[in-house]
Amino acid sequence: MEIGLVLQTDPPADLLVERMERADRLGFTHGWTFDSVVLWQEPFVIYSRVLERTRDLVVGPMVTNPSTRTWEVTASLFATLNDMYGNRTVCGIGRGDSAMRVAGRKPATLDRLGRAMRAIKDLAEGREADVDGAAMRIPWVREGALPVWMGAYGPKALSLVGRQADGFILQLADPYLTEWMVKAVRAAAAEAGRDPDEVKVCVAAPAYVTDGSPEALAHARDQCRWFGGMVGNHVADLVSRYGEHSGAVPEELTDYIRAREGYDYSHHGRADNPDTAFVPDPIVDRFCLLGTIDEHKEKLERLREAGVDQFAVYAMHDDVDGVIDAYGSEIIPGLT
């Protein structure tokens, strides 16, 4: 299993670059960031610095969307970085949650997302693409390669991942739900005539290493409770679309959001998010990796058995450097 690192592009950018550089030395394979340019700094500018100062790290957004930038702009950004640093980017993409809603716009439809994924990949790899009805090609691209990994939760989105994407990004680390969703992706891939094993699976969630004491675990839960609120925001969308007891979404996902009252994107992805009081401790424990190094290793093994190829550490709490160093020294050597 590979290990990635997910950071937010908060200023100063130098601190993020330094952390990604350290992660590269410690054996992390991927460096991801959020892509919500109102809430955080523009990531593609920072990717150039990260790639310049690392040797092996693959970088990309978790996740971009089809609407913030035009498709040819997104493709050209990736292609330019690849031309400069040698095909070390990955395009994580979704419908657009915080990036769109914080600007008062709606996320893209799955149809538009599918067309955007195809166009961005084709353009970044030097092929002609259809961009909103216009035939287009980037003539200077030579030997470009851009894997496109899609974030998804609901049945229609999972089907699109299996039919089209190079990888699946799942933002929660519950082994049962991971296995359920991976099966859905692989079934869609097989139905589309693809090799299901060629669709890579990345689980992304907060990880917080503790000394095993109850007090430390309680603190870790409070630092990572924001993640249950963020996931709950996506789940609320699914419930409004499919219904709470439709069977389209596991009840393990839908049960805990009944007490949810709303979501303020100005606190998105923050440990101090006030819209997470409805998230109970068992959900934090299920969705995140909390506890001692041995407890992290045990859960990572369960995720590997569920079909996960990469675990991406959401380092968005008060011990960012501690979790980077702990994974680099205690966990990554055992996985490789």
Foldseek 3Di string as FASTA:
>chain_A
DAEAAEDEQAPPLVVVLVLLLLLLVLRHAEYEYADQPVLHPHVLVSVLSNLVNHQHYAYEYLAAECPPDFLLVLLVSQLVSCVVRPQRYEHEYEQDDLNAVVVVHDGHDVVSRLLSVVCSQQQNQFHWHQRPNDTDHDHPRDRGGYFYEYEDAFLVRLLSLLQDGQEYEYAFQFLVSLLVSLVSSLVSVVVNVHHSLRHAYEYEAAADADPADPVRQVQVLLQRLLSLVVLLVVVVVVCVVQNQPNPRHDVVSVVQCPPQDDADSSQRLASPGPRRPSRDSVRSVRGYHYYHLVSNQVSVVSNVVSPHPYYYHHQHGDPNVVVSVCCSPPPVVVVD
